[in-house]
Amino acid sequence: MIRFKQGNLRVPRFQRPVYMVAAGTTDYRKKYPEYKLEELVMMGFKMMLEENDLKMSPADVKGLINMACYGEFADHFQDQLLCEAKIHDYLGLDPLPNVGIKTGGATGGYAVLMGANTVASGYSNCTLVTGWERMDEVDTRTGNFYISTAACKDFETRLARMYAAYYAPMARRFADVYKVSEEIRAKIAVKNRGYACSSPFAQNPGKHTIEEVLGGRIACDPLRMLECCVMSVGSASVLLCDEETAYKLTDHPMRLHIAGGTHTLRVADRRDMEVPLLPNEKEGQYDFMKEMNEPFPGFQSFLASRFAAYMAYRMAGVTGDPCDELDLVELHDAFTISDLQTYGDIGLRPYGKEEEYITSGDAYYEGRCPSNLSGGLLGTMHAVGATGIFQGAECFWQLQNKYDKFHGEPKMWERFGKKKPADWKSLQIRKRRRALWISHAGVGSHVTCGILENPEEVKK
């Protein structure tokens, strides 16, 4: 059994506050032959500099940058080692320092974490965080294999060359342990893909039904095609600053708290342990797992997500029910089952009652704590190196009350060769205190939990 010691559970503390001040993104597509990778990255970078109502000109904002953190999942896709150097040069940021970050599906989240640390430590006053993926230069079968090697090649990859095959047994196990029906997963797919219909950035929006999801083609039993994300192309950027610089750039910066967690690359190596309790949970709350002879984390929970949330909540001062203290969450719904599992890991519901987050209506727009109003990975994108950055950008715009600006203006749709739907619906949240996002890798090997806090609303 794993047993933490006191030092292992020390809550991270930034030496000075970190703020997000601007964000930008491309739209996301299966193929994007019109532009080279560096041009796609420039698109998101320019949106960040030009369209966030900053107090300085783009050139002056660019002149404040001290450091760049770049996220890219795999060199394989564009066959370019040290791609961060190529991007850095193209953005005109030489000779400023930069670093490339690779942590599987959590690459974007860890790029934000590393960027935040450069600001929190005082190394930088203004750090660019940018991520991308170019997944259209190989065929789908090859791409699936590349992605599958983010699991252990000695074990999981030999069993299956696609990630759906890793998550399918998790779906089976989760349903068996907690007696959850397939309809819950189908509702997640319907919800998230439906919300993507309001986003000009979305690759796979769709108004589906539960029957359509459950009647669809099998990707890997029991997961259907509409329960799985697809490969994407695109980029996203955010700008992180210290407090003084943040308020020079905007009157409405959002304070950032972010923490990470890890777990074994091989699922078979997971060891039993006591559940690390979130601030609102009580001793003995999960004794029922021992009575069921179900170890934690087992095959149905993500320890890395629980650990990252354990730290991030304490960093941000979240002490009560997360559904009461958070106003939005953006979760890593690469598969409907990974979304469902995360509800318990981050405390949206206690373990064993995850489905109630959906059945209660809390997860829906105008619910207590809506999730994936961006459309998530299922509906909008999984350009892996950009994903955890894009999720943070969506949280940022929501807290700034700018959802309509970036999702509802016809010119934004036209920019990407699309027409704003006649039945477009605003998904701007009303309460704008805190938003959380989860960036997740592999079968749970790396996870970050980021929390953005609106200083104006929290004071109220």
Protein backbone atom coordinates (compact mmCIF):
# COMPACT_ATOMS: atom_id res chain seq x y z
CA MET A 1 0.00 0.00 0.00
CA ILE A 2 1.19 3.53 -0.80
CA ARG A 3 1.49 5.68 2.32
CA PHE A 4 2.16 9.40 2.00
CA LYS A 5 4.42 11.17 4.45
CA GLN A 6 3.88 14.73 5.62
CA GLY A 7 6.28 16.25 3.13
CA ASN A 8 4.56 14.52 0.21
CA LEU A 9 1.33 16.34 1.02
CA ARG A 10 2.80 19.83 1.34
CA VAL A 11 0.47 22.16 -0.52
CA PRO A 12 2.31 24.16 -3.22
CA ARG A 13 2.52 27.88 -2.61
CA PHE A 14 3.39 30.44 -5.27
CA GLN A 15 5.92 33.04 -4.10
CA ARG A 16 3.76 35.72 -5.74
CA PRO A 17 0.34 35.70 -7.42
CA VAL A 18 0.01 34.60 -11.05
CA TYR A 19 -2.63 35.97 -13.42
CA MET A 20 -3.97 35.04 -16.84
CA VAL A 21 -4.51 38.18 -18.90
CA ALA A 22 -5.22 37.09 -22.49
CA ALA A 23 -6.00 34.04 -24.62
CA GLY A 24 -6.22 33.10 -28.29
CA THR A 25 -6.92 30.05 -30.42
CA THR A 26 -7.44 28.77 -33.93
CA ASP A 27 -10.47 26.74 -34.85
CA TYR A 28 -9.90 22.97 -34.90
CA ARG A 29 -10.13 20.61 -37.85
CA LYS A 30 -9.23 17.10 -38.89
CA LYS A 31 -7.11 18.56 -41.69
CA TYR A 32 -5.70 22.06 -42.14
CA PRO A 33 -3.69 21.98 -45.39
CA GLU A 34 -4.08 25.73 -46.00
CA TYR A 35 -1.48 26.65 -43.38
CA LYS A 36 1.86 25.45 -42.15
CA LEU A 37 2.11 24.63 -38.46
CA GLU A 38 3.93 27.84 -37.54
CA GLU A 39 1.22 29.86 -39.34
CA LEU A 40 -1.47 28.11 -37.27
CA VAL A 41 0.39 28.92 -34.08
CA MET A 42 0.71 32.54 -35.21
CA MET A 43 -3.09 32.70 -35.67
CA GLY A 44 -3.76 31.89 -32.02
CA PHE A 45 -0.87 34.10 -30.88
CA LYS A 46 -2.23 37.09 -32.81
CA MET A 47 -5.74 36.61 -31.42
CA MET A 48 -4.26 36.62 -27.94
CA LEU A 49 -2.39 39.89 -28.58
CA GLU A 50 -5.04 41.71 -30.60
CA GLU A 51 -8.51 40.69 -29.43
CA ASN A 52 -8.51 40.65 -25.62
CA ASP A 53 -9.06 44.41 -25.08
CA LEU A 54 -5.58 44.89 -23.64
CA LYS A 55 -4.40 48.38 -22.68
CA MET A 56 -1.26 48.18 -24.82
CA SER A 57 -0.61 47.64 -28.50
CA PRO A 58 0.24 44.09 -29.64
CA ALA A 59 3.84 45.15 -30.24
CA ASP A 60 4.13 46.59 -26.73
CA VAL A 61 2.55 43.50 -25.16
CA LYS A 62 4.96 41.29 -27.08
CA GLY A 63 7.75 43.50 -25.75
CA LEU A 64 6.89 42.47 -22.18
CA ILE A 65 7.38 38.72 -22.71
CA ASN A 66 10.31 37.23 -20.75
CA MET A 67 9.79 33.49 -21.29
CA ALA A 68 7.89 31.03 -23.49
CA CYS A 69 6.60 27.56 -22.58
CA TYR A 70 5.57 25.43 -25.55
CA GLY A 71 3.43 22.30 -25.52
CA GLU A 72 3.54 19.62 -28.21
CA PHE A 73 2.48 16.02 -27.63
CA ALA A 74 4.46 14.25 -30.34
CA ASP A 75 7.27 15.14 -32.74
CA HIS A 76 6.09 12.23 -34.89
CA PHE A 77 3.15 14.05 -36.46
CA GLN A 78 5.07 16.86 -38.17
CA ASP A 79 8.38 14.96 -38.22
CA GLN A 80 10.23 17.85 -36.63
CA LEU A 81 12.39 17.51 -33.54
CA LEU A 82 12.77 20.62 -31.38
CA CYS A 83 9.68 22.10 -32.96
CA GLU A 84 9.49 24.68 -30.17
CA ALA A 85 12.61 26.35 -31.60
CA LYS A 86 10.97 26.64 -35.01
CA ILE A 87 7.82 28.16 -33.48
CA HIS A 88 9.78 30.53 -31.22
CA ASP A 89 11.73 31.82 -34.20
CA TYR A 90 8.58 32.28 -36.29
CA LEU A 91 6.86 34.27 -33.51
CA GLY A 92 9.88 36.60 -33.45
CA LEU A 93 10.82 35.87 -29.84
CA ASP A 94 14.52 34.99 -30.16
CA PRO A 95 16.73 35.29 -28.11
CA LEU A 96 14.25 34.97 -25.20
CA PRO A 97 14.42 31.59 -23.42
CA ASN A 98 11.87 28.90 -24.20
CA VAL A 99 11.22 25.33 -23.16
CA GLY A 100 9.24 22.49 -24.73
CA ILE A 101 6.90 20.43 -22.56
CA LYS A 102 5.68 16.91 -23.33
CA THR A 103 3.40 15.08 -20.89
CA GLY A 104 1.03 13.16 -23.14
CA GLY A 105 -2.56 14.36 -23.19
CA ALA A 106 -1.76 16.70 -20.28
CA THR A 107 0.89 18.55 -22.28
CA GLY A 108 -1.18 21.74 -22.48
CA GLY A 109 -1.96 21.72 -18.77
CA TYR A 110 1.64 21.12 -17.80
CA ALA A 111 2.77 23.91 -20.13
CA VAL A 112 0.48 26.25 -18.16
CA LEU A 113 1.83 24.83 -14.86
CA MET A 114 5.43 25.40 -15.94
CA GLY A 115 4.59 28.87 -17.23
CA ALA A 116 2.90 29.73 -13.94
CA ASN A 117 5.99 28.61 -12.04
CA THR A 118 8.24 30.94 -14.03
CA VAL A 119 6.04 33.87 -13.00
CA ALA A 120 5.46 32.71 -9.41
CA SER A 121 9.21 32.32 -8.84
CA GLY A 122 10.08 35.74 -10.20
CA TYR A 123 12.04 34.38 -13.16
CA SER A 124 9.53 36.02 -15.49
CA ASN A 125 7.00 38.83 -15.24
CA CYS A 126 5.25 37.83 -18.45
CA THR A 127 5.27 34.30 -19.87
CA LEU A 128 3.75 33.09 -23.12
CA VAL A 129 2.21 29.61 -23.01
CA THR A 130 1.44 28.13 -26.42
CA GLY A 131 0.53 24.62 -27.54
CA TRP A 132 -0.28 22.91 -30.81
CA GLU A 133 -0.69 19.64 -32.63
CA ARG A 134 -0.45 18.85 -36.32
CA MET A 135 -2.16 15.46 -36.55
CA ASP A 136 -3.11 15.56 -40.24
CA GLU A 137 0.22 14.63 -41.82
CA VAL A 138 -0.25 10.91 -41.11
CA ASP A 139 -3.22 8.64 -41.76
CA THR A 140 -5.67 7.88 -38.95
CA ARG A 141 -4.37 4.36 -38.31
CA THR A 142 -0.79 5.61 -37.96
CA GLY A 143 -1.93 8.49 -35.80
CA ASN A 144 -3.81 6.15 -33.48
CA PHE A 145 -0.67 4.07 -33.09
CA TYR A 146 1.48 7.10 -32.30
CA ILE A 147 -1.01 8.19 -29.64
CA SER A 148 -1.25 4.68 -28.22
CA THR A 149 2.47 4.71 -27.43
CA ALA A 150 1.79 7.28 -24.69
CA ALA A 151 0.87 4.16 -22.71
CA CYS A 152 3.50 1.57 -21.85
CA LYS A 153 4.79 -0.03 -25.07
CA ASP A 154 5.81 -3.14 -23.11
CA PHE A 155 2.24 -3.76 -22.01
CA GLU A 156 -0.77 -1.67 -23.10
CA THR A 157 0.44 -0.85 -26.61
CA ARG A 158 0.98 -4.54 -27.34
CA LEU A 159 -2.62 -5.27 -26.38
CA ALA A 160 -4.16 -2.56 -28.54
CA ARG A 161 -2.93 0.17 -30.85
CA MET A 162 -5.65 2.69 -30.02
CA TYR A 163 -6.65 4.51 -26.87
CA ALA A 164 -10.30 3.48 -26.98
CA ALA A 165 -9.09 -0.02 -26.18
CA TYR A 166 -7.49 1.27 -22.96
CA TYR A 167 -10.62 3.07 -21.79
CA ALA A 168 -13.16 0.43 -22.81
CA PRO A 169 -12.24 -1.93 -19.93
CA MET A 170 -12.37 1.05 -17.57
CA ALA A 171 -15.93 1.66 -18.73
CA ARG A 172 -16.78 -1.98 -18.08
CA ARG A 173 -15.18 -1.94 -14.64
CA PHE A 174 -16.76 1.36 -13.61
CA ALA A 175 -20.22 0.16 -14.64
CA ASP A 176 -19.73 -3.11 -12.77
CA VAL A 177 -18.52 -1.53 -9.53
CA TYR A 178 -20.99 1.37 -9.34
CA LYS A 179 -23.90 -0.11 -11.34
CA VAL A 180 -23.97 2.73 -13.87
CA SER A 181 -25.96 2.39 -17.08
CA GLU A 182 -24.63 3.12 -20.56
CA GLU A 183 -27.23 5.90 -20.85
CA ILE A 184 -25.19 8.10 -18.52
CA ARG A 185 -22.22 7.99 -20.88
CA ALA A 186 -24.51 8.66 -23.83
CA LYS A 187 -25.95 11.72 -22.07
CA ILE A 188 -22.41 13.08 -21.67
CA ALA A 189 -21.77 12.69 -25.41
CA VAL A 190 -25.07 14.36 -26.29
CA LYS A 191 -24.44 17.25 -23.88
CA ASN A 192 -20.88 18.06 -24.85
CA ARG A 193 -21.30 17.69 -28.60
CA GLY A 194 -24.45 19.78 -28.35
CA TYR A 195 -22.64 22.62 -26.61
CA ALA A 196 -20.04 22.57 -29.38
CA CYS A 197 -22.77 23.80 -31.74
CA SER A 198 -22.36 27.25 -30.16
CA SER A 199 -18.60 27.37 -30.83
CA PRO A 200 -16.95 28.62 -34.04
CA PHE A 201 -13.83 26.69 -32.99
CA ALA A 202 -15.53 23.29 -32.91
CA GLN A 203 -14.48 20.35 -35.06
CA ASN A 204 -17.33 17.94 -34.23
CA PRO A 205 -20.47 19.79 -33.11
CA GLY A 206 -23.69 17.82 -33.33
CA LYS A 207 -27.23 17.62 -32.05
CA HIS A 208 -27.43 13.95 -31.23
CA THR A 209 -29.81 11.77 -29.24
CA ILE A 210 -29.10 9.13 -26.63
CA GLU A 211 -30.47 6.51 -29.00
CA GLU A 212 -28.14 7.70 -31.75
CA VAL A 213 -25.10 7.43 -29.48
CA LEU A 214 -25.99 3.97 -28.19
CA GLY A 215 -26.95 2.75 -31.64
CA GLY A 216 -23.74 3.98 -33.24
CA ARG A 217 -20.73 2.03 -34.42
CA ILE A 218 -18.55 0.43 -31.78
CA ALA A 219 -15.05 1.90 -31.42
CA CYS A 220 -14.08 -0.60 -28.73
CA ASP A 221 -16.86 -2.31 -26.80
CA PRO A 222 -18.64 -0.75 -24.93
CA LEU A 223 -17.50 2.65 -26.25
CA ARG A 224 -19.30 3.91 -29.35
CA MET A 225 -17.82 6.27 -31.92
CA LEU A 226 -19.69 9.31 -30.57
CA GLU A 227 -18.19 8.62 -27.13
CA CYS A 228 -14.64 9.15 -28.42
CA CYS A 229 -12.76 12.28 -29.40
CA VAL A 230 -10.94 12.49 -32.71
CA MET A 231 -7.54 13.69 -33.89
CA SER A 232 -7.34 17.46 -34.39
CA VAL A 233 -5.18 20.22 -35.81
CA GLY A 234 -4.85 23.66 -34.20
CA SER A 235 -3.16 25.82 -31.59
CA ALA A 236 -3.96 27.85 -28.46
CA SER A 237 -2.12 30.51 -26.46
CA VAL A 238 -2.45 32.24 -23.08
CA LEU A 239 -0.42 34.99 -21.44
CA LEU A 240 0.53 34.69 -17.75
CA CYS A 241 1.79 37.66 -15.70
CA ASP A 242 2.66 38.81 -12.23
CA GLU A 243 0.13 41.11 -10.54
CA GLU A 244 1.74 44.42 -11.46
CA THR A 245 2.12 43.52 -15.13
CA ALA A 246 -1.35 41.97 -15.28
CA TYR A 247 -3.08 45.18 -14.19
CA LYS A 248 -0.99 47.22 -16.61
CA LEU A 249 -2.49 45.11 -19.38
CA THR A 250 -6.11 44.68 -18.27
CA ASP A 251 -8.55 45.70 -15.56
CA HIS A 252 -9.89 42.16 -15.46
CA PRO A 253 -7.09 39.61 -15.05
CA MET A 254 -7.93 36.20 -13.60
CA ARG A 255 -5.82 34.78 -10.80
CA LEU A 256 -4.42 31.32 -11.49
CA HIS A 257 -3.89 28.40 -9.12
CA ILE A 258 -2.64 25.17 -10.68
CA ALA A 259 -1.22 21.87 -9.44
CA GLY A 260 -0.23 18.54 -10.94
CA GLY A 261 -0.38 14.87 -10.09
CA THR A 262 0.97 11.65 -11.59
CA HIS A 263 0.36 7.93 -11.47
CA THR A 264 1.91 4.77 -12.89
CA LEU A 265 2.18 4.56 -16.65
CA ARG A 266 1.14 0.92 -16.47
CA VAL A 267 -2.30 0.30 -15.02
CA ALA A 268 -1.19 -3.10 -13.72
CA ASP A 269 1.35 -1.38 -11.45
CA ARG A 270 -1.25 0.55 -9.44
CA ARG A 271 -1.08 -0.08 -5.71
CA ASP A 272 -3.80 0.25 -3.09
CA MET A 273 -3.87 3.34 -0.85
CA GLU A 274 -6.11 5.42 1.36
CA VAL A 275 -8.21 7.98 -0.51
CA PRO A 276 -6.64 11.48 -0.23
CA LEU A 277 -9.60 13.48 1.06
CA LEU A 278 -10.69 16.74 -0.54
CA PRO A 279 -11.34 19.68 1.82
CA ASN A 280 -15.10 18.99 2.04
CA GLU A 281 -14.77 15.22 2.59
CA LYS A 282 -14.72 13.44 5.95
CA GLU A 283 -12.75 10.61 7.49
CA GLY A 284 -14.43 7.26 6.94
CA GLN A 285 -16.45 8.55 3.97
CA TYR A 286 -15.00 5.90 1.68
CA ASP A 287 -14.92 2.96 4.05
CA PHE A 288 -17.57 1.38 1.84
CA MET A 289 -14.84 0.66 -0.73
CA LYS A 290 -13.09 -1.62 1.75
CA GLU A 291 -16.40 -3.31 2.54
CA MET A 292 -16.87 -3.91 -1.20
CA ASN A 293 -13.27 -5.16 -1.38
CA GLU A 294 -12.58 -2.48 -3.99
CA PRO A 295 -9.11 -0.96 -3.67
CA PHE A 296 -8.47 2.70 -4.38
CA PRO A 297 -7.68 3.87 -6.99
CA GLY A 298 -8.29 0.51 -8.63
CA PHE A 299 -9.25 0.53 -12.27
CA GLN A 300 -12.12 2.97 -11.92
CA SER A 301 -10.42 6.08 -10.51
CA PHE A 302 -7.59 8.40 -11.51
CA LEU A 303 -5.23 8.98 -8.58
CA ALA A 304 -3.40 11.72 -10.49
CA SER A 305 -6.66 13.68 -10.86
CA ARG A 306 -7.51 13.24 -7.19
CA PHE A 307 -4.01 14.35 -6.14
CA ALA A 308 -4.00 17.39 -8.45
CA ALA A 309 -7.42 18.48 -7.16
CA TYR A 310 -6.31 17.82 -3.56
CA MET A 311 -3.51 20.35 -4.05
CA ALA A 312 -5.31 22.88 -6.29
CA TYR A 313 -8.34 23.23 -4.00
CA ARG A 314 -6.10 24.00 -1.06
CA MET A 315 -4.04 26.45 -3.12
CA ALA A 316 -7.20 28.29 -4.18
CA GLY A 317 -8.93 28.19 -0.78
CA VAL A 318 -11.78 25.95 -1.96
CA THR A 319 -13.08 24.43 1.27
CA GLY A 320 -16.67 23.46 0.53
CA ASP A 321 -18.58 21.42 -2.03
CA PRO A 322 -16.86 22.06 -5.38
CA CYS A 323 -20.26 22.35 -7.05
CA ASP A 324 -21.00 25.32 -4.78
CA GLU A 325 -17.61 27.00 -5.05
CA LEU A 326 -16.95 26.50 -8.78
CA ASP A 327 -19.12 28.04 -11.50
CA LEU A 328 -17.72 26.10 -14.46
CA VAL A 329 -15.54 23.07 -15.09
CA GLU A 330 -13.84 21.99 -18.31
CA LEU A 331 -12.98 18.31 -18.05
CA HIS A 332 -10.86 16.00 -20.19
CA ASP A 333 -13.63 14.11 -21.99
CA ALA A 334 -11.42 12.33 -24.50
CA PHE A 335 -13.89 9.50 -23.84
CA THR A 336 -17.22 9.68 -22.06
CA ILE A 337 -15.89 7.31 -19.43
CA SER A 338 -12.87 9.51 -18.59
CA ASP A 339 -15.30 12.39 -18.06
CA LEU A 340 -17.54 10.28 -15.82
CA GLN A 341 -14.64 8.96 -13.76
CA THR A 342 -13.34 12.47 -13.14
CA TYR A 343 -16.57 13.61 -11.45
CA GLY A 344 -15.61 11.57 -8.39
CA ASP A 345 -11.90 12.28 -8.61
CA ILE A 346 -12.36 16.04 -8.28
CA GLY A 347 -15.33 15.84 -5.91
CA LEU A 348 -18.20 17.02 -8.09
CA ARG A 349 -19.84 14.00 -6.52
CA PRO A 350 -18.51 11.52 -3.96
CA TYR A 351 -17.05 8.31 -5.31
CA GLY A 352 -19.85 5.90 -6.17
CA LYS A 353 -22.35 8.66 -6.97
CA GLU A 354 -20.75 10.17 -10.08
CA GLU A 355 -23.82 9.69 -12.25
CA GLU A 356 -25.81 12.06 -10.02
CA TYR A 357 -23.78 14.97 -11.37
CA ILE A 358 -25.53 14.32 -14.70
CA THR A 359 -28.95 13.15 -13.51
CA SER A 360 -29.30 16.11 -11.09
CA GLY A 361 -28.82 18.62 -13.88
CA ASP A 362 -25.81 20.20 -12.14
CA ALA A 363 -23.60 19.46 -15.17
CA TYR A 364 -25.79 21.37 -17.63
CA TYR A 365 -25.84 25.03 -18.63
CA GLU A 366 -27.64 26.96 -15.85
CA GLY A 367 -27.04 24.00 -13.54
CA ARG A 368 -25.13 24.39 -10.28
CA CYS A 369 -21.73 23.78 -11.88
CA PRO A 370 -21.92 23.24 -15.65
CA SER A 371 -19.24 21.26 -17.45
CA ASN A 372 -17.66 21.49 -20.90
CA LEU A 373 -19.67 24.39 -22.25
CA SER A 374 -16.83 24.73 -24.78
CA GLY A 375 -17.97 21.45 -26.32
CA GLY A 376 -15.06 19.68 -24.65
CA LEU A 377 -12.76 17.28 -26.43
CA LEU A 378 -15.71 15.31 -27.79
CA GLY A 379 -17.32 18.23 -29.56
CA THR A 380 -14.59 20.78 -30.17
CA MET A 381 -11.02 19.51 -30.20
CA HIS A 382 -8.16 17.37 -29.01
CA ALA A 383 -5.13 18.91 -30.71
CA VAL A 384 -3.23 17.44 -27.80
CA GLY A 385 -0.52 20.01 -27.09
CA ALA A 386 -3.14 22.78 -27.29
CA THR A 387 -5.94 21.06 -25.36
CA GLY A 388 -5.09 22.01 -21.77
CA ILE A 389 -4.37 25.57 -22.92
CA PHE A 390 -7.61 25.86 -24.89
CA GLN A 391 -9.59 24.66 -21.85
CA GLY A 392 -7.97 27.37 -19.74
CA ALA A 393 -8.77 29.96 -22.41
CA GLU A 394 -12.45 28.97 -22.38
CA CYS A 395 -12.55 29.29 -18.57
CA PHE A 396 -10.81 32.67 -18.82
CA TRP A 397 -13.28 34.11 -21.34
CA GLN A 398 -16.24 32.85 -19.31
CA LEU A 399 -15.01 34.55 -16.14
CA GLN A 400 -14.39 37.76 -18.08
CA ASN A 401 -17.99 37.65 -19.37
CA LYS A 402 -16.67 37.39 -22.94
CA TYR A 403 -18.18 34.10 -24.09
CA ASP A 404 -20.43 35.95 -26.56
CA LYS A 405 -17.54 38.03 -27.91
CA PHE A 406 -15.50 34.99 -28.86
CA HIS A 407 -18.32 32.58 -29.72
CA GLY A 408 -21.23 34.71 -30.84
CA GLU A 409 -19.90 37.37 -33.18
CA PRO A 410 -20.62 36.44 -36.83
CA LYS A 411 -17.15 37.66 -37.87
CA MET A 412 -15.56 35.01 -35.67
CA TRP A 413 -17.49 32.29 -37.50
CA GLU A 414 -16.71 33.83 -40.89
CA ARG A 415 -12.99 33.92 -40.04
CA PHE A 416 -13.01 30.13 -40.10
CA GLY A 417 -15.20 29.79 -43.17
CA LYS A 418 -18.36 29.08 -41.17
CA LYS A 419 -21.75 30.71 -40.74
CA LYS A 420 -23.14 31.42 -37.30
CA PRO A 421 -26.16 29.08 -36.80
CA ALA A 422 -29.58 30.71 -36.79
CA ASP A 423 -30.37 28.89 -33.54
CA TRP A 424 -27.07 29.85 -31.86
CA LYS A 425 -27.37 29.96 -28.08
CA SER A 426 -25.23 31.93 -25.65
CA LEU A 427 -23.66 29.72 -22.97
CA GLN A 428 -22.25 32.59 -20.90
CA ILE A 429 -22.36 31.62 -17.23
CA ARG A 430 -24.01 34.04 -14.80
CA LYS A 431 -21.94 33.48 -11.68
CA ARG A 432 -18.29 34.15 -12.52
CA ARG A 433 -16.24 33.48 -9.40
CA ARG A 434 -14.12 30.41 -10.19
CA ALA A 435 -13.62 27.98 -13.07
CA LEU A 436 -11.63 24.75 -13.07
CA TRP A 437 -10.11 22.68 -15.84
CA ILE A 438 -8.50 19.24 -15.91
CA SER A 439 -5.73 18.32 -18.35
CA HIS A 440 -5.21 14.55 -18.42
CA ALA A 441 -2.70 12.17 -20.00
CA GLY A 442 -2.53 8.51 -20.89
CA VAL A 443 -4.63 6.24 -18.70
CA GLY A 444 -4.10 8.76 -15.90
CA SER A 445 -0.32 9.06 -15.80
CA HIS A 446 -0.20 12.89 -15.66
CA VAL A 447 -2.94 15.36 -14.69
CA THR A 448 -3.10 19.07 -13.94
CA CYS A 449 -5.93 20.83 -12.15
CA GLY A 450 -6.11 24.55 -12.89
CA ILE A 451 -8.41 26.99 -11.12
CA LEU A 452 -8.99 30.51 -12.38
CA GLU A 453 -10.40 32.98 -9.86
CA ASN A 454 -12.15 36.26 -10.64
CA PRO A 455 -10.83 38.71 -8.01
CA GLU A 456 -13.78 41.08 -8.41
CA GLU A 457 -16.41 38.39 -7.93
CA VAL A 458 -14.62 36.57 -5.11
CA LYS A 459 -14.46 39.83 -3.12
CA LYS A 460 -18.23 40.09 -3.32
